[in-house]
Protein backbone atom coordinates (compact mmCIF):
# COMPACT_ATOMS: atom_id res chain seq x y z
CA MET A 1 76.45 66.76 118.88
CA LYS A 2 77.31 66.16 122.52
CA VAL A 3 76.21 68.67 125.14
CA ASP A 4 79.82 69.47 126.10
CA ASP A 5 80.75 70.07 122.46
CA ALA A 6 77.71 72.32 121.99
CA ILE A 7 78.61 74.37 125.09
CA GLU A 8 82.22 74.70 123.94
CA THR A 9 81.10 75.85 120.48
CA ILE A 10 78.72 78.44 121.96
CA ALA A 11 81.44 79.72 124.31
CA ARG A 12 83.94 79.98 121.44
CA TYR A 13 81.61 81.99 119.23
CA PHE A 14 79.82 83.86 122.05
CA ASN A 15 81.48 87.18 121.26
CA ASP A 16 80.63 86.90 117.58
CA LEU A 17 77.01 86.03 118.39
CA ILE A 18 76.55 88.89 120.85
CA GLY A 19 78.47 91.34 118.68
CA SER A 20 76.12 90.61 115.76
CA ILE A 21 72.80 90.00 117.54
CA VAL A 22 72.85 93.16 119.70
CA PRO A 23 73.18 95.65 116.78
CA GLY A 24 70.52 93.76 114.82
CA LEU A 25 68.24 93.76 117.87
CA ILE A 26 68.70 97.48 118.45
CA LEU A 27 67.90 98.25 114.82
CA ALA A 28 64.80 96.02 114.84
CA VAL A 29 63.47 97.41 118.14
CA GLY A 30 64.19 101.00 117.10
CA LEU A 31 62.46 100.72 113.72
CA THR A 32 59.51 98.89 115.28
CA ILE A 33 58.98 101.57 117.93
CA MET A 34 59.48 104.30 115.34
CA HIS A 35 57.02 102.97 112.76
CA PHE A 36 54.59 100.68 114.60
CA GLY A 37 54.60 101.80 118.23
CA PRO A 38 55.81 100.20 121.48
CA GLN A 39 52.87 97.79 121.71
CA ARG A 40 54.29 95.77 118.81
CA ILE A 41 57.32 94.96 120.95
CA GLY A 42 54.98 93.22 123.38
CA ASP A 43 53.41 91.24 120.55
CA VAL A 44 56.81 90.06 119.35
CA SER A 45 57.84 89.16 122.91
CA LYS A 46 54.83 86.87 123.24
CA SER A 47 55.81 85.07 120.04
CA LEU A 48 59.24 84.32 121.54
CA GLU A 49 57.58 81.77 123.83
CA SER A 50 57.82 79.40 120.89
CA ALA A 51 61.36 77.98 120.61
CA ALA A 52 61.17 77.75 116.82
CA VAL A 53 60.11 81.39 116.45
CA ALA A 54 62.79 82.52 118.91
CA ILE A 55 65.50 80.70 116.93
CA VAL A 56 64.29 82.24 113.65
CA ILE A 57 64.23 85.75 115.16
CA LEU A 58 67.70 85.31 116.66
CA GLY A 59 68.93 84.12 113.27
CA LEU A 60 67.48 87.22 111.62
CA MET A 61 69.07 89.45 114.27
CA PHE A 62 72.43 87.72 113.71
CA ALA A 63 72.21 88.23 109.94
CA SER A 64 71.09 91.84 110.40
CA GLY A 65 74.01 92.50 112.72
CA HIS A 66 76.52 91.22 110.18
CA ALA A 67 74.82 93.32 107.52
CA LEU A 68 75.19 96.39 109.75
CA ILE A 69 78.89 95.70 110.27
CA GLY A 70 79.27 95.32 106.50
CA ILE A 71 77.43 98.61 105.93
CA PHE A 72 79.73 100.27 108.44
CA GLU A 73 82.89 98.99 106.76
CA VAL A 74 81.77 99.70 103.18
CA LEU A 75 79.72 102.89 103.49
CA ILE A 76 80.06 104.55 106.89
CA GLN A 77 83.73 104.09 107.75
CA PRO A 78 85.09 105.74 104.56
CA GLY A 79 82.92 108.79 105.27
CA LEU A 80 84.11 108.93 108.87
CA ARG A 81 87.73 108.76 107.72
CA LEU A 82 87.15 111.38 105.04
CA SER A 83 85.67 113.74 107.64
CA ARG A 84 88.51 112.80 110.04
CA ILE A 85 86.10 111.70 112.76
CA VAL A 86 87.99 108.40 112.93
CA LYS A 87 91.47 107.55 111.63
CA ARG A 88 92.78 104.63 109.63
CA PHE A 89 94.86 102.27 111.73
CA ASP A 90 98.44 103.54 111.42
CA GLU A 91 100.42 100.36 110.83
CA ALA A 92 103.70 102.25 110.34
CA SER A 93 103.33 103.93 113.74
CA ALA A 94 102.33 100.64 115.37
CA LYS A 95 105.53 99.03 114.06
CA GLN A 96 107.57 101.61 115.97
CA ARG A 97 106.10 100.62 119.33
CA GLN A 98 108.58 99.01 121.67
CA SER A 99 106.45 95.89 122.14
CA TYR A 100 106.38 95.24 118.38
CA VAL A 101 110.13 95.87 118.00
CA LEU A 102 110.95 93.51 120.89
CA PHE A 103 108.62 90.86 119.51
CA VAL A 104 110.34 90.96 116.11
CA GLU A 105 113.75 90.73 117.81
CA ILE A 106 112.76 87.71 119.88
CA LEU A 107 111.05 85.98 116.97
CA SER A 108 114.05 86.54 114.69
CA LYS A 109 116.38 85.01 117.31
CA LEU A 110 114.11 81.99 117.66
CA GLN A 111 114.10 81.50 113.88
CA SER A 112 116.83 82.60 111.50
CA GLY A 113 118.50 85.17 113.70
CA ASN A 114 118.07 87.75 110.96
CA GLU A 115 115.77 90.55 112.14
CA THR A 116 115.65 92.25 108.73
CA GLU A 117 114.56 89.00 107.11
CA THR A 118 111.83 88.51 109.70
CA ARG A 119 110.50 92.01 109.08
CA GLY A 120 110.56 91.48 105.32
CA VAL A 121 108.86 88.07 105.23
CA TRP A 122 106.21 88.63 107.87
CA SER A 123 103.54 91.31 107.51
CA TYR A 124 102.08 93.13 110.52
CA ASN A 125 98.95 90.97 110.52
CA ASP A 126 101.05 87.81 110.17
CA LEU A 127 103.13 88.73 113.21
CA ARG A 128 100.00 89.64 115.15
CA SER A 129 98.58 86.19 114.38
CA VAL A 130 101.81 84.63 115.66
CA ALA A 131 101.58 86.74 118.84
CA LEU A 132 97.99 85.61 119.34
CA SER A 133 99.00 81.96 118.93
CA ILE A 134 101.87 82.30 121.40
CA SER A 135 99.91 83.88 124.25
CA VAL A 136 96.56 82.53 125.39
CA GLU A 137 96.01 85.62 127.51
CA GLY A 138 96.97 87.88 124.60
CA ALA A 139 94.60 86.04 122.27
CA SER A 140 91.76 86.34 124.78
CA LEU A 141 92.39 90.04 125.32
CA GLY A 142 92.78 90.69 121.60
CA ARG A 143 89.48 88.97 120.82
CA ARG A 144 87.78 90.87 123.64
CA PHE A 145 88.95 94.24 122.34
CA MET A 146 87.97 93.31 118.78
CA PHE A 147 84.54 92.22 120.05
CA ILE A 148 84.02 95.58 121.79
CA SER A 149 85.11 97.40 118.63
CA MET A 150 82.73 95.36 116.47
CA LEU A 151 79.88 95.88 118.94
CA CYS A 152 80.40 99.65 119.09
CA ASN A 153 80.57 99.97 115.31
CA GLY A 154 77.53 97.74 114.78
CA VAL A 155 75.39 99.62 117.31
CA GLY A 156 76.59 102.94 115.92
CA ALA A 157 75.62 101.86 112.40
CA ALA A 158 72.18 100.80 113.66
CA LEU A 159 71.64 104.19 115.32
CA LEU A 160 72.83 106.02 112.21
CA LEU A 161 70.39 104.12 109.98
CA MET A 162 67.57 104.75 112.45
CA ALA A 163 68.36 108.48 112.48
CA ALA A 164 68.51 108.59 108.67
CA ASP A 165 65.18 106.78 108.38
CA PHE A 166 63.61 109.07 110.99
CA ILE A 167 64.80 112.25 109.25
CA PHE A 168 63.67 110.97 105.84
CA CYS A 169 60.16 110.21 107.14
CA MET A 170 59.91 113.54 108.99
CA ILE A 171 60.82 115.47 105.83
CA PHE A 172 58.96 113.51 103.14
CA ASP A 173 56.11 111.55 104.74
CA GLN A 174 55.38 111.74 108.47
CA LYS A 175 52.49 109.31 108.06
CA LEU A 176 55.07 106.51 107.90
CA LEU A 177 55.95 107.18 111.55
CA TYR A 178 53.93 106.09 114.57
CA SER A 179 52.03 109.03 116.02
CA TYR A 180 52.90 109.73 119.67
CA VAL A 181 50.80 112.12 121.75
CA GLU A 182 53.92 113.74 123.20
CA ALA A 183 57.36 113.52 121.68
CA PRO A 184 60.61 115.55 121.90
CA ASN A 185 61.56 117.84 119.06
CA TRP A 186 62.57 115.67 116.09
CA ILE A 187 65.65 117.76 115.34
CA ALA A 188 66.87 117.33 118.92
CA GLN A 189 66.21 113.58 118.68
CA SER A 190 68.19 113.32 115.45
CA ILE A 191 71.15 115.28 116.81
CA LEU A 192 71.22 113.14 119.96
CA ILE A 193 71.18 109.88 117.98
CA PHE A 194 73.92 111.11 115.64
CA PHE A 195 76.02 112.23 118.62
CA VAL A 196 75.73 108.85 120.35
CA ALA A 197 76.59 107.07 117.08
CA ILE A 198 79.74 109.19 116.63
CA VAL A 199 80.80 108.47 120.23
CA LEU A 200 80.37 104.73 119.59
CA PHE A 201 82.42 104.93 116.39
CA LYS A 202 85.23 106.67 118.31
CA ARG A 203 85.15 103.97 120.99
CA GLY A 204 85.20 101.33 118.27
CA GLU A 205 88.32 102.95 116.80
CA ILE A 206 90.08 102.99 120.19
CA PHE A 207 89.38 99.33 120.92
CA TYR A 208 90.34 98.30 117.38
CA GLU A 209 93.77 99.88 117.87
CA ARG A 210 94.09 98.09 121.22
CA ALA A 211 93.10 94.78 119.62
CA MET A 212 95.77 95.25 116.94
CA ALA A 213 98.60 96.27 119.30
CA THR A 214 98.03 94.62 122.70
CA PRO A 215 98.89 90.98 121.77
CA PHE A 216 102.53 91.93 121.06
CA SER A 217 103.25 93.22 124.57
CA ILE A 218 101.71 90.16 126.22
CA ALA A 219 103.52 87.76 123.86
CA VAL A 220 106.83 89.53 124.54
CA ALA A 221 106.32 89.18 128.28
CA GLU A 222 105.59 85.46 127.97
CA LEU A 223 108.50 84.78 125.59
CA LYS A 224 111.01 86.66 127.74
CA PHE A 225 109.75 84.93 130.88
CA LYS A 226 110.03 81.50 129.28
CA ARG A 227 113.49 82.23 127.85
CA GLU A 228 114.82 83.57 131.16
CA ARG A 229 113.33 80.58 133.00
CA ASN A 230 114.96 78.15 130.55
CA VAL A 231 118.33 79.89 130.95
CA SER A 232 118.11 79.74 134.74
CA GLU A 233 117.24 76.03 134.60
């Protein structure tokens, strides 16, 4: 593979790499400090001097990050929705936004001219994909918001698992934890970690909604600008 091709590939999947590696890294560092002590972090850092070891560790962090996002979607998110901490994306409400309505109108005029037919054939996600393909800026912004949402949810899942592991060890077998000379109250630590995780989940929800809705407004602006420019010419 050429150097330019490799750089382009890395740039294209940079958000996915960071969004997966960071949660996996946080989970690994947190569990290591919790069970083996901070000195083990230094030992691992020294091993990163080897390129082969660094690649293997990054690969493990990437896989762990994707596993965390999967755990969030399958196990954590349903519980958050059940407790009404986060809401399911309201597609019906999103379809009533002016940007979505205008996008459907413009798209129907460019195609069959039948707005009802366009609404019936195309689903919300289909139309969002069209909006992303129309606007480069909208696609970039949509991916950025989705990356932030994925990162927040992944880090929140990592913190939640760390808190659950910490509470389990404190209740059933404290010998599994590294013994610190001075440490804050474990209940206070657990509450703090849970609070930060909930805040991250809420931020993830906000940016997910932005990622799902923003591309329509940008695509509408570009389509109207191009159509008005063509008419004037």
